Amino acid sequence: MSTQFLDMRISSDSVQDTPQRELTSSSLFPYTFGDIGLQTASVSPSNVNSVRVTLNAYVRLLMAPSSNPTIIPNATFTVRRNGTTIFTTVYQKPANQLDITYEMAAITVVDFPPENEVLLGQIQYTISVSTNYGIGLGARSFSGIAVAGGI
C-alpha cells in the first residue's frame, strides 16, 4: 500500500509581532489563532484506517512578570479535532525571571483520526491559547498535512 497525499492547509493569524494581541486571565474564551479544514474525501477505501495528520503551530509570546509572586504566567495551548481536544500543553515563564521575556513557542502535534471522521470528507483542526496572566501574542501561524497508507 503506497502513501497517499490527502491535503495541506495553512492558517496565518498574524505575520508580524506588532501590534500584539493582548490576552488576559479574565478572557471569557481562549483565543483561536489557527483554524484549518483538512480534506479527506479523496482517501482510497484501502487507506481509510491509515490516515495520519501532522500539525505545526508557531507563536511569539511576550510574557510579563507577575506582580503576585504566587502566580507564574503561562500560556495553555489546546488543539481540537472537530471540537474534541486531542492535545494540550502549557508553556510557563521561568519563575525566577523578573523581567519581560519574548519567547517563541513551536508546537508539533500528530493525530490518527478515527475512520468515521475521515469518511466525513473533511477534518476541522483548531488551535487556541489561554493564559492565567497577561501575555501578548506576536506572529502566529498553524498548518497541517494529511496523508494515508504506507504504514
C-alpha atoms as a PDB file:
ATOM      1  CA  MET A   1       0.000   0.000   0.000  1.00  0.00           C
ATOM      2  CA  SER A   2       1.581   3.283  -1.106  1.00  0.00           C
ATOM      3  CA  THR A   3       1.419   6.577   0.731  1.00  0.00           C
ATOM      4  CA  GLN A   4      -1.386   8.841  -0.452  1.00  0.00           C
ATOM      5  CA  PHE A   5      -1.146  12.624  -0.034  1.00  0.00           C
ATOM      6  CA  LEU A   6      -4.557  13.989   1.012  1.00  0.00           C
ATOM      7  CA  ASP A   7      -4.253  17.688   1.834  1.00  0.00           C
ATOM      8  CA  MET A   8      -2.141  20.516   3.226  1.00  0.00           C
ATOM      9  CA  ARG A   9      -3.536  23.744   4.707  1.00  0.00           C
ATOM     10  CA  ILE A  10      -2.193  26.841   6.435  1.00  0.00           C
ATOM     11  CA  SER A  11      -3.740  29.434   8.713  1.00  0.00           C
ATOM     12  CA  SER A  12      -1.814  32.641   9.336  1.00  0.00           C
ATOM     13  CA  ASP A  13      -3.359  34.850  12.001  1.00  0.00           C
ATOM     14  CA  SER A  14      -0.536  37.405  12.038  1.00  0.00           C
ATOM     15  CA  VAL A  15       2.700  37.632  10.056  1.00  0.00           C
ATOM     16  CA  GLN A  16       4.322  40.193  12.343  1.00  0.00           C
ATOM     17  CA  ASP A  17       4.936  40.733  16.034  1.00  0.00           C
ATOM     18  CA  THR A  18       3.289  44.166  16.228  1.00  0.00           C
ATOM     19  CA  PRO A  19       0.671  45.091  17.035  1.00  0.00           C
ATOM     20  CA  GLN A  20       0.338  42.336  19.580  1.00  0.00           C
ATOM     21  CA  ARG A  21      -2.838  40.535  20.504  1.00  0.00           C
ATOM     22  CA  GLU A  22      -3.182  41.018  24.267  1.00  0.00           C
ATOM     23  CA  LEU A  23      -4.671  38.207  26.351  1.00  0.00           C
ATOM     24  CA  THR A  24      -5.642  38.407  29.992  1.00  0.00           C
ATOM     25  CA  SER A  25      -6.703  35.834  32.531  1.00  0.00           C
ATOM     26  CA  SER A  26     -10.138  37.456  32.557  1.00  0.00           C
ATOM     27  CA  SER A  27     -10.793  36.464  28.930  1.00  0.00           C
ATOM     28  CA  LEU A  28     -14.049  34.526  28.746  1.00  0.00           C
ATOM     29  CA  PHE A  29     -12.857  32.267  25.946  1.00  0.00           C
ATOM     30  CA  PRO A  30      -9.485  31.044  24.700  1.00  0.00           C
ATOM     31  CA  TYR A  31      -8.160  32.896  21.649  1.00  0.00           C
ATOM     32  CA  THR A  32      -8.231  30.734  18.496  1.00  0.00           C
ATOM     33  CA  PHE A  33      -5.353  31.667  16.212  1.00  0.00           C
ATOM     34  CA  GLY A  34      -5.494  28.720  13.815  1.00  0.00           C
ATOM     35  CA  ASP A  35      -8.374  27.009  12.031  1.00  0.00           C
ATOM     36  CA  ILE A  36      -7.897  24.597   9.112  1.00  0.00           C
ATOM     37  CA  GLY A  37     -10.071  22.011   7.401  1.00  0.00           C
ATOM     38  CA  LEU A  38      -8.033  19.103   6.045  1.00  0.00           C
ATOM     39  CA  GLN A  39      -9.772  17.374   3.143  1.00  0.00           C
ATOM     40  CA  THR A  40     -10.015  13.579   3.356  1.00  0.00           C
ATOM     41  CA  ALA A  41     -12.642  12.961   0.650  1.00  0.00           C
ATOM     42  CA  SER A  42     -10.002  11.612  -1.764  1.00  0.00           C
ATOM     43  CA  VAL A  43      -8.767   8.851   0.567  1.00  0.00           C
ATOM     44  CA  SER A  44      -8.891   5.438  -1.097  1.00  0.00           C
ATOM     45  CA  PRO A  45     -11.037   2.799   0.664  1.00  0.00           C
ATOM     46  CA  SER A  46      -7.966   0.690   1.454  1.00  0.00           C
ATOM     47  CA  ASN A  47      -6.333   3.657   3.237  1.00  0.00           C
ATOM     48  CA  VAL A  48      -9.256   4.875   5.366  1.00  0.00           C
ATOM     49  CA  ASN A  49      -7.795   3.253   8.509  1.00  0.00           C
ATOM     50  CA  SER A  50      -4.312   4.652   7.992  1.00  0.00           C
ATOM     51  CA  VAL A  51      -4.771   8.437   7.847  1.00  0.00           C
ATOM     52  CA  ARG A  52      -2.076  10.394   9.655  1.00  0.00           C
ATOM     53  CA  VAL A  53      -2.042  14.117  10.334  1.00  0.00           C
ATOM     54  CA  THR A  54       0.848  16.359  11.346  1.00  0.00           C
ATOM     55  CA  LEU A  55       0.015  19.796  12.727  1.00  0.00           C
ATOM     56  CA  ASN A  56       2.508  22.601  13.348  1.00  0.00           C
ATOM     57  CA  ALA A  57       1.979  25.866  15.192  1.00  0.00           C
ATOM     58  CA  TYR A  58       4.215  28.820  15.907  1.00  0.00           C
ATOM     59  CA  VAL A  59       3.556  31.807  18.149  1.00  0.00           C
ATOM     60  CA  ARG A  60       5.753  34.533  19.596  1.00  0.00           C
ATOM     61  CA  LEU A  61       4.855  35.276  23.215  1.00  0.00           C
ATOM     62  CA  LEU A  62       5.512  38.391  25.267  1.00  0.00           C
ATOM     63  CA  MET A  63       5.356  37.289  28.892  1.00  0.00           C
ATOM     64  CA  ALA A  64       5.341  39.910  31.596  1.00  0.00           C
ATOM     65  CA  PRO A  65       6.397  39.150  35.169  1.00  0.00           C
ATOM     66  CA  SER A  66       3.577  38.695  37.631  1.00  0.00           C
ATOM     67  CA  SER A  67       3.084  41.282  40.349  1.00  0.00           C
ATOM     68  CA  ASN A  68       1.911  38.403  42.559  1.00  0.00           C
ATOM     69  CA  PRO A  69       4.807  36.021  43.366  1.00  0.00           C
ATOM     70  CA  THR A  70       2.418  33.067  43.693  1.00  0.00           C
ATOM     71  CA  ILE A  71       1.303  33.414  40.054  1.00  0.00           C
ATOM     72  CA  ILE A  72       3.705  32.174  37.401  1.00  0.00           C
ATOM     73  CA  PRO A  73       2.499  33.375  33.979  1.00  0.00           C
ATOM     74  CA  ASN A  74       1.732  30.626  31.475  1.00  0.00           C
ATOM     75  CA  ALA A  75       0.145  30.063  28.082  1.00  0.00           C
ATOM     76  CA  THR A  76      -2.017  26.974  27.608  1.00  0.00           C
ATOM     77  CA  PHE A  77      -2.295  25.726  24.020  1.00  0.00           C
ATOM     78  CA  THR A  78      -5.157  23.419  23.033  1.00  0.00           C
ATOM     79  CA  VAL A  79      -5.596  21.604  19.708  1.00  0.00           C
ATOM     80  CA  ARG A  80      -9.024  20.257  18.789  1.00  0.00           C
ATOM     81  CA  ARG A  81     -10.199  17.859  16.088  1.00  0.00           C
ATOM     82  CA  ASN A  82     -13.824  18.575  15.134  1.00  0.00           C
ATOM     83  CA  GLY A  83     -14.285  20.233  18.546  1.00  0.00           C
ATOM     84  CA  THR A  84     -12.725  17.413  20.598  1.00  0.00           C
ATOM     85  CA  THR A  85      -9.488  18.173  22.447  1.00  0.00           C
ATOM     86  CA  ILE A  86      -6.636  15.968  21.182  1.00  0.00           C
ATOM     87  CA  PHE A  87      -3.636  17.846  22.630  1.00  0.00           C
ATOM     88  CA  THR A  88      -2.912  20.337  25.406  1.00  0.00           C
ATOM     89  CA  THR A  89       0.383  21.779  26.577  1.00  0.00           C
ATOM     90  CA  VAL A  90       1.410  24.616  28.876  1.00  0.00           C
ATOM     91  CA  TYR A  91       4.296  26.987  28.227  1.00  0.00           C
ATOM     92  CA  GLN A  92       5.369  28.530  31.539  1.00  0.00           C
ATOM     93  CA  LYS A  93       7.523  31.569  32.172  1.00  0.00           C
ATOM     94  CA  PRO A  94      10.504  30.680  34.366  1.00  0.00           C
ATOM     95  CA  ALA A  95       9.583  31.666  37.936  1.00  0.00           C
ATOM     96  CA  ASN A  96      12.928  33.352  38.567  1.00  0.00           C
ATOM     97  CA  GLN A  97      12.683  35.757  35.598  1.00  0.00           C
ATOM     98  CA  LEU A  98      11.544  39.124  36.843  1.00  0.00           C
ATOM     99  CA  ASP A  99      11.571  40.997  33.539  1.00  0.00           C
ATOM    100  CA  ILE A 100       9.562  40.875  30.334  1.00  0.00           C
ATOM    101  CA  THR A 101      10.580  37.941  28.153  1.00  0.00           C
ATOM    102  CA  TYR A 102       9.970  37.235  24.498  1.00  0.00           C
ATOM    103  CA  GLU A 103       9.509  33.546  23.866  1.00  0.00           C
ATOM    104  CA  MET A 104       8.940  31.562  20.706  1.00  0.00           C
ATOM    105  CA  ALA A 105       6.669  28.562  21.089  1.00  0.00           C
ATOM    106  CA  ALA A 106       6.748  25.908  18.375  1.00  0.00           C
ATOM    107  CA  ILE A 107       4.287  23.040  18.715  1.00  0.00           C
ATOM    108  CA  THR A 108       4.018  19.833  16.686  1.00  0.00           C
ATOM    109  CA  VAL A 109       1.003  17.579  17.133  1.00  0.00           C
ATOM    110  CA  VAL A 110       0.314  14.247  15.424  1.00  0.00           C
ATOM    111  CA  ASP A 111      -3.097  12.667  15.053  1.00  0.00           C
ATOM    112  CA  PHE A 112      -4.552   9.374  13.856  1.00  0.00           C
ATOM    113  CA  PRO A 113      -8.161  10.402  13.208  1.00  0.00           C
ATOM    114  CA  PRO A 114     -10.795   7.674  13.540  1.00  0.00           C
ATOM    115  CA  GLU A 115     -12.313   6.172  10.398  1.00  0.00           C
ATOM    116  CA  ASN A 116     -15.743   7.741  10.963  1.00  0.00           C
ATOM    117  CA  GLU A 117     -14.221  11.254  10.952  1.00  0.00           C
ATOM    118  CA  VAL A 118     -12.058  10.507   7.897  1.00  0.00           C
ATOM    119  CA  LEU A 119     -15.159   9.392   5.984  1.00  0.00           C
ATOM    120  CA  LEU A 120     -16.848  12.769   6.599  1.00  0.00           C
ATOM    121  CA  GLY A 121     -14.540  14.191   3.896  1.00  0.00           C
ATOM    122  CA  GLN A 122     -13.041  16.983   5.994  1.00  0.00           C
ATOM    123  CA  ILE A 123     -11.499  17.160   9.447  1.00  0.00           C
ATOM    124  CA  GLN A 124     -11.507  20.538  11.198  1.00  0.00           C
ATOM    125  CA  TYR A 125      -8.475  21.331  13.377  1.00  0.00           C
ATOM    126  CA  THR A 126      -8.198  24.411  15.582  1.00  0.00           C
ATOM    127  CA  ILE A 127      -5.569  25.709  17.976  1.00  0.00           C
ATOM    128  CA  SER A 128      -6.282  28.154  20.772  1.00  0.00           C
ATOM    129  CA  VAL A 129      -4.366  29.757  23.612  1.00  0.00           C
ATOM    130  CA  SER A 130      -5.439  30.938  27.057  1.00  0.00           C
ATOM    131  CA  THR A 131      -3.492  32.356  29.978  1.00  0.00           C
ATOM    132  CA  ASN A 132      -3.588  32.696  33.731  1.00  0.00           C
ATOM    133  CA  TYR A 133      -1.963  36.131  33.471  1.00  0.00           C
ATOM    134  CA  GLY A 134      -1.450  38.798  30.816  1.00  0.00           C
ATOM    135  CA  ILE A 135       0.516  37.744  27.746  1.00  0.00           C
ATOM    136  CA  GLY A 136       0.902  39.239  24.299  1.00  0.00           C
ATOM    137  CA  LEU A 137       0.855  37.286  21.064  1.00  0.00           C
ATOM    138  CA  GLY A 138       3.069  38.317  18.183  1.00  0.00           C
ATOM    139  CA  ALA A 139       3.359  36.490  14.860  1.00  0.00           C
ATOM    140  CA  ARG A 140       1.401  33.234  14.825  1.00  0.00           C
ATOM    141  CA  SER A 141       0.515  30.500  12.369  1.00  0.00           C
ATOM    142  CA  PHE A 142      -0.919  26.991  12.149  1.00  0.00           C
ATOM    143  CA  SER A 143      -0.578  24.365   9.412  1.00  0.00           C
ATOM    144  CA  GLY A 144      -1.425  20.757   8.784  1.00  0.00           C
ATOM    145  CA  ILE A 145      -0.740  17.885   6.395  1.00  0.00           C
ATOM    146  CA  ALA A 146      -2.822  14.720   5.986  1.00  0.00           C
ATOM    147  CA  VAL A 147      -1.566  11.513   4.360  1.00  0.00           C
ATOM    148  CA  ALA A 148      -2.798   7.920   4.288  1.00  0.00           C
ATOM    149  CA  GLY A 149      -1.461   4.436   3.642  1.00  0.00           C
ATOM    150  CA  GLY A 150       2.096   3.222   3.721  1.00  0.00           C
ATOM    151  CA  ILE A 151       2.276   2.173   7.369  1.00  0.00           C
END
